[in-house]
Amino acid sequence: MKRCRKSIRLKMYDYTQEGAYAVTVCVNAHKCMFGCVRNSEMILNDLGNMIVDDWCKLPQRFSNIEMNEFIVMPDHMHKITIVRAGSPRPS
């Protein structure tokens, strides 16, 4: 079953401006690629660990962002990114 979701992005909104942004990243076809849940605990696999590692390193590349809360699930990731004033270019 193919899901058709309407974008909730605001058409005229500048997403590079300061603010807190909730982001969800989903794996294509909802495949469990980041690990699995065992005994109510998320067990990350190598790809899941790579996702967490790269997520935590983003402020080293982009000086105007701050990583906040996040959670990795088997087939998706929820995160909050804080965008601060400054250049969005990689440092």
PDB file of N, CA and C in Angstrom:
ATOM      1  N   MET A   1       0.837  -1.186   0.000  1.00  0.00           N
ATOM      2  CA  MET A   1       0.000   0.000   0.000  1.00  0.00           C
ATOM      3  C   MET A   1       0.878   1.243   0.000  1.00  0.00           C
ATOM      4  N   LYS A   2       0.730   2.044  -1.015  1.00  0.00           N
ATOM      5  CA  LYS A   2       1.518   3.265  -1.113  1.00  0.00           C
ATOM      6  C   LYS A   2       0.807   4.386  -0.352  1.00  0.00           C
ATOM      7  N   ARG A   3       1.554   5.055   0.476  1.00  0.00           N
ATOM      8  CA  ARG A   3       0.988   6.148   1.263  1.00  0.00           C
ATOM      9  C   ARG A   3       1.275   7.467   0.554  1.00  0.00           C
ATOM     10  N   CYS A   4       0.270   8.258   0.420  1.00  0.00           N
ATOM     11  CA  CYS A   4       0.431   9.594  -0.154  1.00  0.00           C
ATOM     12  C   CYS A   4       0.206  10.603   0.961  1.00  0.00           C
ATOM     13  N   ARG A   5       1.277  11.279   1.315  1.00  0.00           N
ATOM     14  CA  ARG A   5       1.174  12.256   2.396  1.00  0.00           C
ATOM     15  C   ARG A   5       1.328  13.650   1.835  1.00  0.00           C
ATOM     16  N   LYS A   6       0.510  14.525   2.307  1.00  0.00           N
ATOM     17  CA  LYS A   6       0.606  15.920   1.919  1.00  0.00           C
ATOM     18  C   LYS A   6       1.720  16.569   2.735  1.00  0.00           C
ATOM     19  N   SER A   7       2.539  17.358   2.083  1.00  0.00           N
ATOM     20  CA  SER A   7       3.616  18.051   2.780  1.00  0.00           C
ATOM     21  C   SER A   7       3.030  19.045   3.777  1.00  0.00           C
ATOM     22  N   ILE A   8       3.605  19.069   4.971  1.00  0.00           N
ATOM     23  CA  ILE A   8       3.164  20.038   5.972  1.00  0.00           C
ATOM     24  C   ILE A   8       4.088  21.254   6.022  1.00  0.00           C
ATOM     25  N   ARG A   9       5.071  21.289   5.102  1.00  0.00           N
ATOM     26  CA  ARG A   9       5.961  22.444   5.030  1.00  0.00           C
ATOM     27  C   ARG A   9       5.180  23.676   4.580  1.00  0.00           C
ATOM     28  N   LEU A  10       5.479  24.810   5.161  1.00  0.00           N
ATOM     29  CA  LEU A  10       4.852  26.066   4.768  1.00  0.00           C
ATOM     30  C   LEU A  10       5.526  26.563   3.497  1.00  0.00           C
ATOM     31  N   LYS A  11       4.746  26.831   2.465  1.00  0.00           N
ATOM     32  CA  LYS A  11       5.300  27.165   1.151  1.00  0.00           C
ATOM     33  C   LYS A  11       6.175  28.407   1.162  1.00  0.00           C
ATOM     34  N   MET A  12       5.822  29.410   1.888  1.00  0.00           N
ATOM     35  CA  MET A  12       6.570  30.668   1.860  1.00  0.00           C
ATOM     36  C   MET A  12       7.501  30.839   3.068  1.00  0.00           C
ATOM     37  N   TYR A  13       7.686  29.806   3.857  1.00  0.00           N
ATOM     38  CA  TYR A  13       8.493  29.905   5.075  1.00  0.00           C
ATOM     39  C   TYR A  13       9.960  29.663   4.749  1.00  0.00           C
ATOM     40  N   ASP A  14      10.835  30.474   5.319  1.00  0.00           N
ATOM     41  CA  ASP A  14      12.282  30.324   5.132  1.00  0.00           C
ATOM     42  C   ASP A  14      12.830  29.427   6.244  1.00  0.00           C
ATOM     43  N   TYR A  15      13.066  28.166   5.921  1.00  0.00           N
ATOM     44  CA  TYR A  15      13.519  27.193   6.914  1.00  0.00           C
ATOM     45  C   TYR A  15      14.993  27.363   7.290  1.00  0.00           C
ATOM     46  N   THR A  16      15.660  28.379   6.750  1.00  0.00           N
ATOM     47  CA  THR A  16      17.027  28.661   7.193  1.00  0.00           C
ATOM     48  C   THR A  16      17.042  29.675   8.337  1.00  0.00           C
ATOM     49  N   GLN A  17      15.884  30.233   8.680  1.00  0.00           N
ATOM     50  CA  GLN A  17      15.856  31.216   9.760  1.00  0.00           C
ATOM     51  C   GLN A  17      15.940  30.526  11.122  1.00  0.00           C
ATOM     52  N   GLU A  18      16.270  31.315  12.136  1.00  0.00           N
ATOM     53  CA  GLU A  18      16.430  30.783  13.486  1.00  0.00           C
ATOM     54  C   GLU A  18      15.157  30.107  13.975  1.00  0.00           C
ATOM     55  N   GLY A  19      15.357  29.047  14.766  1.00  0.00           N
ATOM     56  CA  GLY A  19      14.214  28.373  15.360  1.00  0.00           C
ATOM     57  C   GLY A  19      14.516  26.922  15.657  1.00  0.00           C
ATOM     58  N   ALA A  20      13.557  26.264  16.265  1.00  0.00           N
ATOM     59  CA  ALA A  20      13.664  24.833  16.567  1.00  0.00           C
ATOM     60  C   ALA A  20      12.799  24.092  15.553  1.00  0.00           C
ATOM     61  N   TYR A  21      13.376  23.069  14.943  1.00  0.00           N
ATOM     62  CA  TYR A  21      12.681  22.316  13.911  1.00  0.00           C
ATOM     63  C   TYR A  21      12.601  20.842  14.296  1.00  0.00           C
ATOM     64  N   ALA A  22      11.404  20.290  14.260  1.00  0.00           N
ATOM     65  CA  ALA A  22      11.208  18.859  14.481  1.00  0.00           C
ATOM     66  C   ALA A  22      11.340  18.180  13.121  1.00  0.00           C
ATOM     67  N   VAL A  23      12.185  17.162  13.051  1.00  0.00           N
ATOM     68  CA  VAL A  23      12.467  16.476  11.792  1.00  0.00           C
ATOM     69  C   VAL A  23      12.246  14.981  11.993  1.00  0.00           C
ATOM     70  N   THR A  24      11.578  14.357  11.045  1.00  0.00           N
ATOM     71  CA  THR A  24      11.440  12.902  11.024  1.00  0.00           C
ATOM     72  C   THR A  24      12.022  12.404   9.717  1.00  0.00           C
ATOM     73  N   VAL A  25      12.908  11.441   9.808  1.00  0.00           N
ATOM     74  CA  VAL A  25      13.510  10.817   8.633  1.00  0.00           C
ATOM     75  C   VAL A  25      13.074   9.364   8.615  1.00  0.00           C
ATOM     76  N   CYS A  26      12.442   8.955   7.512  1.00  0.00           N
ATOM     77  CA  CYS A  26      11.931   7.589   7.395  1.00  0.00           C
ATOM     78  C   CYS A  26      12.719   6.805   6.351  1.00  0.00           C
ATOM     79  N   VAL A  27      12.890   5.529   6.607  1.00  0.00           N
ATOM     80  CA  VAL A  27      13.544   4.629   5.663  1.00  0.00           C
ATOM     81  C   VAL A  27      12.534   4.275   4.575  1.00  0.00           C
ATOM     82  N   ASN A  28      13.012   4.202   3.339  1.00  0.00           N
ATOM     83  CA  ASN A  28      12.170   3.825   2.219  1.00  0.00           C
ATOM     84  C   ASN A  28      11.492   2.480   2.488  1.00  0.00           C
ATOM     85  N   ALA A  29      10.212   2.405   2.198  1.00  0.00           N
ATOM     86  CA  ALA A  29       9.410   1.198   2.363  1.00  0.00           C
ATOM     87  C   ALA A  29       9.363   0.715   3.819  1.00  0.00           C
ATOM     88  N   HIS A  30       9.700   1.582   4.752  1.00  0.00           N
ATOM     89  CA  HIS A  30       9.651   1.269   6.192  1.00  0.00           C
ATOM     90  C   HIS A  30      10.440   0.002   6.557  1.00  0.00           C
ATOM     91  N   LYS A  31      11.563  -0.195   5.877  1.00  0.00           N
ATOM     92  CA  LYS A  31      12.421  -1.342   6.205  1.00  0.00           C
ATOM     93  C   LYS A  31      13.153  -1.044   7.520  1.00  0.00           C
ATOM     94  N   CYS A  32      13.266  -2.031   8.362  1.00  0.00           N
ATOM     95  CA  CYS A  32      13.956  -1.865   9.654  1.00  0.00           C
ATOM     96  C   CYS A  32      15.463  -1.947   9.420  1.00  0.00           C
ATOM     97  N   MET A  33      16.053  -0.807   9.078  1.00  0.00           N
ATOM     98  CA  MET A  33      17.470  -0.785   8.712  1.00  0.00           C
ATOM     99  C   MET A  33      18.387  -0.291   9.819  1.00  0.00           C
ATOM    100  N   PHE A  34      17.847   0.330  10.877  1.00  0.00           N
ATOM    101  CA  PHE A  34      18.687   0.932  11.911  1.00  0.00           C
ATOM    102  C   PHE A  34      18.886   0.042  13.129  1.00  0.00           C
ATOM    103  N   GLY A  35      18.223  -1.091  13.182  1.00  0.00           N
ATOM    104  CA  GLY A  35      18.335  -1.997  14.319  1.00  0.00           C
ATOM    105  C   GLY A  35      16.993  -2.623  14.616  1.00  0.00           C
ATOM    106  N   CYS A  36      16.824  -3.069  15.856  1.00  0.00           N
ATOM    107  CA  CYS A  36      15.569  -3.725  16.233  1.00  0.00           C
ATOM    108  C   CYS A  36      15.265  -3.428  17.696  1.00  0.00           C
ATOM    109  N   VAL A  37      14.037  -3.710  18.075  1.00  0.00           N
ATOM    110  CA  VAL A  37      13.609  -3.534  19.462  1.00  0.00           C
ATOM    111  C   VAL A  37      13.554  -4.909  20.109  1.00  0.00           C
ATOM    112  N   ARG A  38      14.280  -5.040  21.219  1.00  0.00           N
ATOM    113  CA  ARG A  38      14.270  -6.276  22.008  1.00  0.00           C
ATOM    114  C   ARG A  38      14.002  -5.917  23.460  1.00  0.00           C
ATOM    115  N   ASN A  39      13.044  -6.596  24.076  1.00  0.00           N
ATOM    116  CA  ASN A  39      12.693  -6.327  25.473  1.00  0.00           C
ATOM    117  C   ASN A  39      12.453  -4.835  25.720  1.00  0.00           C
ATOM    118  N   SER A  40      11.720  -4.219  24.807  1.00  0.00           N
ATOM    119  CA  SER A  40      11.359  -2.792  24.897  1.00  0.00           C
ATOM    120  C   SER A  40      12.565  -1.856  24.822  1.00  0.00           C
ATOM    121  N   GLU A  41      13.688  -2.305  24.281  1.00  0.00           N
ATOM    122  CA  GLU A  41      14.883  -1.478  24.154  1.00  0.00           C
ATOM    123  C   GLU A  41      15.341  -1.475  22.706  1.00  0.00           C
ATOM    124  N   MET A  42      15.679  -0.298  22.202  1.00  0.00           N
ATOM    125  CA  MET A  42      16.178  -0.181  20.834  1.00  0.00           C
ATOM    126  C   MET A  42      17.633  -0.620  20.797  1.00  0.00           C
ATOM    127  N   ILE A  43      17.922  -1.609  19.964  1.00  0.00           N
ATOM    128  CA  ILE A  43      19.284  -2.110  19.778  1.00  0.00           C
ATOM    129  C   ILE A  43      19.747  -1.649  18.401  1.00  0.00           C
ATOM    130  N   LEU A  44      20.664  -0.694  18.364  1.00  0.00           N
ATOM    131  CA  LEU A  44      21.157  -0.170  17.098  1.00  0.00           C
ATOM    132  C   LEU A  44      22.103  -1.163  16.436  1.00  0.00           C
ATOM    133  N   ASN A  45      22.009  -1.273  15.122  1.00  0.00           N
ATOM    134  CA  ASN A  45      22.993  -2.052  14.366  1.00  0.00           C
ATOM    135  C   ASN A  45      24.073  -1.082  13.876  1.00  0.00           C
ATOM    136  N   ASP A  46      24.968  -1.555  13.007  1.00  0.00           N
ATOM    137  CA  ASP A  46      26.059  -0.690  12.535  1.00  0.00           C
ATOM    138  C   ASP A  46      25.535   0.560  11.838  1.00  0.00           C
ATOM    139  N   LEU A  47      24.504   0.414  11.009  1.00  0.00           N
ATOM    140  CA  LEU A  47      23.946   1.573  10.321  1.00  0.00           C
ATOM    141  C   LEU A  47      23.299   2.534  11.315  1.00  0.00           C
ATOM    142  N   GLY A  48      22.579   2.009  12.284  1.00  0.00           N
ATOM    143  CA  GLY A  48      21.976   2.852  13.316  1.00  0.00           C
ATOM    144  C   GLY A  48      23.017   3.622  14.105  1.00  0.00           C
ATOM    145  N   ASN A  49      24.129   2.963  14.451  1.00  0.00           N
ATOM    146  CA  ASN A  49      25.223   3.642  15.156  1.00  0.00           C
ATOM    147  C   ASN A  49      25.862   4.716  14.283  1.00  0.00           C
ATOM    148  N   MET A  50      25.974   4.451  12.980  1.00  0.00           N
ATOM    149  CA  MET A  50      26.534   5.440  12.061  1.00  0.00           C
ATOM    150  C   MET A  50      25.624   6.670  11.990  1.00  0.00           C
ATOM    151  N   ILE A  51      24.315   6.440  11.968  1.00  0.00           N
ATOM    152  CA  ILE A  51      23.349   7.548  11.928  1.00  0.00           C
ATOM    153  C   ILE A  51      23.510   8.429  13.178  1.00  0.00           C
ATOM    154  N   VAL A  52      23.590   7.820  14.338  1.00  0.00           N
ATOM    155  CA  VAL A  52      23.754   8.568  15.597  1.00  0.00           C
ATOM    156  C   VAL A  52      25.076   9.326  15.589  1.00  0.00           C
ATOM    157  N   ASP A  53      26.157   8.666  15.166  1.00  0.00           N
ATOM    158  CA  ASP A  53      27.475   9.289  15.139  1.00  0.00           C
ATOM    159  C   ASP A  53      27.483  10.497  14.202  1.00  0.00           C
ATOM    160  N   ASP A  54      26.947  10.330  13.000  1.00  0.00           N
ATOM    161  CA  ASP A  54      26.912  11.443  12.043  1.00  0.00           C
ATOM    162  C   ASP A  54      26.013  12.574  12.529  1.00  0.00           C
ATOM    163  N   TRP A  55      24.891  12.226  13.153  1.00  0.00           N
ATOM    164  CA  TRP A  55      23.975  13.238  13.692  1.00  0.00           C
ATOM    165  C   TRP A  55      24.683  14.103  14.725  1.00  0.00           C
ATOM    166  N   CYS A  56      25.444  13.467  15.611  1.00  0.00           N
ATOM    167  CA  CYS A  56      26.134  14.195  16.675  1.00  0.00           C
ATOM    168  C   CYS A  56      27.289  15.049  16.148  1.00  0.00           C
ATOM    169  N   LYS A  57      27.801  14.741  14.973  1.00  0.00           N
ATOM    170  CA  LYS A  57      28.911  15.497  14.385  1.00  0.00           C
ATOM    171  C   LYS A  57      28.459  16.684  13.531  1.00  0.00           C
ATOM    172  N   LEU A  58      27.169  16.797  13.253  1.00  0.00           N
ATOM    173  CA  LEU A  58      26.697  17.876  12.383  1.00  0.00           C
ATOM    174  C   LEU A  58      27.098  19.280  12.852  1.00  0.00           C
ATOM    175  N   PRO A  59      27.075  19.586  14.156  1.00  0.00           N
ATOM    176  CA  PRO A  59      27.491  20.929  14.573  1.00  0.00           C
ATOM    177  C   PRO A  59      28.955  21.241  14.229  1.00  0.00           C
ATOM    178  N   GLN A  60      29.782  20.230  14.043  1.00  0.00           N
ATOM    179  CA  GLN A  60      31.164  20.464  13.628  1.00  0.00           C
ATOM    180  C   GLN A  60      31.222  20.935  12.180  1.00  0.00           C
ATOM    181  N   ARG A  61      30.235  20.532  11.376  1.00  0.00           N
ATOM    182  CA  ARG A  61      30.183  20.921   9.965  1.00  0.00           C
ATOM    183  C   ARG A  61      29.403  22.199   9.738  1.00  0.00           C
ATOM    184  N   PHE A  62      28.373  22.412  10.557  1.00  0.00           N
ATOM    185  CA  PHE A  62      27.498  23.567  10.392  1.00  0.00           C
ATOM    186  C   PHE A  62      27.481  24.347  11.697  1.00  0.00           C
ATOM    187  N   SER A  63      28.170  25.482  11.694  1.00  0.00           N
ATOM    188  CA  SER A  63      28.375  26.234  12.935  1.00  0.00           C
ATOM    189  C   SER A  63      27.100  26.872  13.484  1.00  0.00           C
ATOM    190  N   ASN A  64      26.058  26.969  12.695  1.00  0.00           N
ATOM    191  CA  ASN A  64      24.842  27.640  13.159  1.00  0.00           C
ATOM    192  C   ASN A  64      23.744  26.676  13.600  1.00  0.00           C
ATOM    193  N   ILE A  65      24.059  25.375  13.721  1.00  0.00           N
ATOM    194  CA  ILE A  65      23.025  24.460  14.197  1.00  0.00           C
ATOM    195  C   ILE A  65      23.439  23.795  15.500  1.00  0.00           C
ATOM    196  N   GLU A  66      22.441  23.431  16.258  1.00  0.00           N
ATOM    197  CA  GLU A  66      22.646  22.752  17.539  1.00  0.00           C
ATOM    198  C   GLU A  66      21.766  21.504  17.540  1.00  0.00           C
ATOM    199  N   MET A  67      22.363  20.396  17.884  1.00  0.00           N
ATOM    200  CA  MET A  67      21.604  19.162  17.960  1.00  0.00           C
ATOM    201  C   MET A  67      20.903  19.114  19.303  1.00  0.00           C
ATOM    202  N   ASN A  68      19.703  18.646  19.309  1.00  0.00           N
ATOM    203  CA  ASN A  68      18.932  18.563  20.540  1.00  0.00           C
ATOM    204  C   ASN A  68      18.484  17.124  20.713  1.00  0.00           C
ATOM    205  N   GLU A  69      17.318  16.913  21.224  1.00  0.00           N
ATOM    206  CA  GLU A  69      16.816  15.561  21.477  1.00  0.00           C
ATOM    207  C   GLU A  69      16.635  14.782  20.170  1.00  0.00           C
ATOM    208  N   PHE A  70      16.864  13.472  20.237  1.00  0.00           N
ATOM    209  CA  PHE A  70      16.592  12.617  19.093  1.00  0.00           C
ATOM    210  C   PHE A  70      16.368  11.191  19.569  1.00  0.00           C
ATOM    211  N   ILE A  71      15.700  10.427  18.726  1.00  0.00           N
ATOM    212  CA  ILE A  71      15.489   9.011  19.006  1.00  0.00           C
ATOM    213  C   ILE A  71      15.530   8.269  17.676  1.00  0.00           C
ATOM    214  N   VAL A  72      16.243   7.167  17.683  1.00  0.00           N
ATOM    215  CA  VAL A  72      16.336   6.328  16.497  1.00  0.00           C
ATOM    216  C   VAL A  72      15.476   5.099  16.724  1.00  0.00           C
ATOM    217  N   MET A  73      14.606   4.824  15.774  1.00  0.00           N
ATOM    218  CA  MET A  73      13.733   3.658  15.791  1.00  0.00           C
ATOM    219  C   MET A  73      14.191   2.728  14.658  1.00  0.00           C
ATOM    220  N   PRO A  74      13.686   1.512  14.585  1.00  0.00           N
ATOM    221  CA  PRO A  74      14.162   0.584  13.550  1.00  0.00           C
ATOM    222  C   PRO A  74      14.038   1.110  12.113  1.00  0.00           C
ATOM    223  N   ASP A  75      12.976   1.892  11.831  1.00  0.00           N
ATOM    224  CA  ASP A  75      12.762   2.337  10.456  1.00  0.00           C
ATOM    225  C   ASP A  75      12.637   3.850  10.296  1.00  0.00           C
ATOM    226  N   HIS A  76      12.920   4.595  11.344  1.00  0.00           N
ATOM    227  CA  HIS A  76      12.865   6.053  11.240  1.00  0.00           C
ATOM    228  C   HIS A  76      13.596   6.710  12.409  1.00  0.00           C
ATOM    229  N   MET A  77      13.739   8.025  12.317  1.00  0.00           N
ATOM    230  CA  MET A  77      14.423   8.796  13.352  1.00  0.00           C
ATOM    231  C   MET A  77      13.654  10.096  13.561  1.00  0.00           C
ATOM    232  N   HIS A  78      13.446  10.469  14.811  1.00  0.00           N
ATOM    233  CA  HIS A  78      12.858  11.758  15.160  1.00  0.00           C
ATOM    234  C   HIS A  78      13.972  12.595  15.789  1.00  0.00           C
ATOM    235  N   LYS A  79      14.019  13.870  15.433  1.00  0.00           N
ATOM    236  CA  LYS A  79      15.051  14.730  16.003  1.00  0.00           C
ATOM    237  C   LYS A  79      14.582  16.174  16.029  1.00  0.00           C
ATOM    238  N   ILE A  80      15.222  16.938  16.879  1.00  0.00           N
ATOM    239  CA  ILE A  80      14.976  18.372  16.947  1.00  0.00           C
ATOM    240  C   ILE A  80      16.297  19.065  16.647  1.00  0.00           C
ATOM    241  N   THR A  81      16.253  19.977  15.702  1.00  0.00           N
ATOM    242  CA  THR A  81      17.430  20.751  15.319  1.00  0.00           C
ATOM    243  C   THR A  81      17.164  22.210  15.644  1.00  0.00           C
ATOM    244  N   ILE A  82      18.116  22.841  16.292  1.00  0.00           N
ATOM    245  CA  ILE A  82      18.036  24.272  16.590  1.00  0.00           C
ATOM    246  C   ILE A  82      18.912  24.994  15.574  1.00  0.00           C
ATOM    247  N   VAL A  83      18.312  25.936  14.840  1.00  0.00           N
ATOM    248  CA  VAL A  83      19.068  26.758  13.889  1.00  0.00           C
ATOM    249  C   VAL A  83      19.275  28.110  14.540  1.00  0.00           C
ATOM    250  N   ARG A  84      20.544  28.508  14.657  1.00  0.00           N
ATOM    251  CA  ARG A  84      20.912  29.787  15.243  1.00  0.00           C
ATOM    252  C   ARG A  84      21.279  30.764  14.132  1.00  0.00           C
ATOM    253  N   ALA A  85      21.368  32.047  14.471  1.00  0.00           N
ATOM    254  CA  ALA A  85      21.781  33.055  13.500  1.00  0.00           C
ATOM    255  C   ALA A  85      23.185  32.728  12.991  1.00  0.00           C
ATOM    256  N   GLY A  86      23.411  33.011  11.757  1.00  0.00           N
ATOM    257  CA  GLY A  86      24.729  32.766  11.181  1.00  0.00           C
ATOM    258  C   GLY A  86      24.608  32.060   9.860  1.00  0.00           C
ATOM    259  N   SER A  87      25.731  31.840   9.269  1.00  0.00           N
ATOM    260  CA  SER A  87      25.780  31.238   7.944  1.00  0.00           C
ATOM    261  C   SER A  87      25.435  29.752   7.999  1.00  0.00           C
ATOM    262  N   PRO A  88      24.549  29.285   7.112  1.00  0.00           N
ATOM    263  CA  PRO A  88      24.233  27.860   7.077  1.00  0.00           C
ATOM    264  C   PRO A  88      25.267  27.035   6.330  1.00  0.00           C
ATOM    265  N   ARG A  89      26.330  27.649   5.864  1.00  0.00           N
ATOM    266  CA  ARG A  89      27.356  26.922   5.122  1.00  0.00           C
ATOM    267  C   ARG A  89      28.192  26.042   6.039  1.00  0.00           C
ATOM    268  N   PRO A  90      28.677  24.923   5.506  1.00  0.00           N
ATOM    269  CA  PRO A  90      29.559  24.062   6.326  1.00  0.00           C
ATOM    270  C   PRO A  90      30.776  24.827   6.793  1.00  0.00           C
ATOM    271  N   SER A  91      31.240  24.552   8.042  1.00  0.00           N
ATOM    272  CA  SER A  91      32.444  25.214   8.554  1.00  0.00           C
ATOM    273  C   SER A  91      33.672  24.452   8.155  1.00  0.00           C
TER     274      SER A  91
END
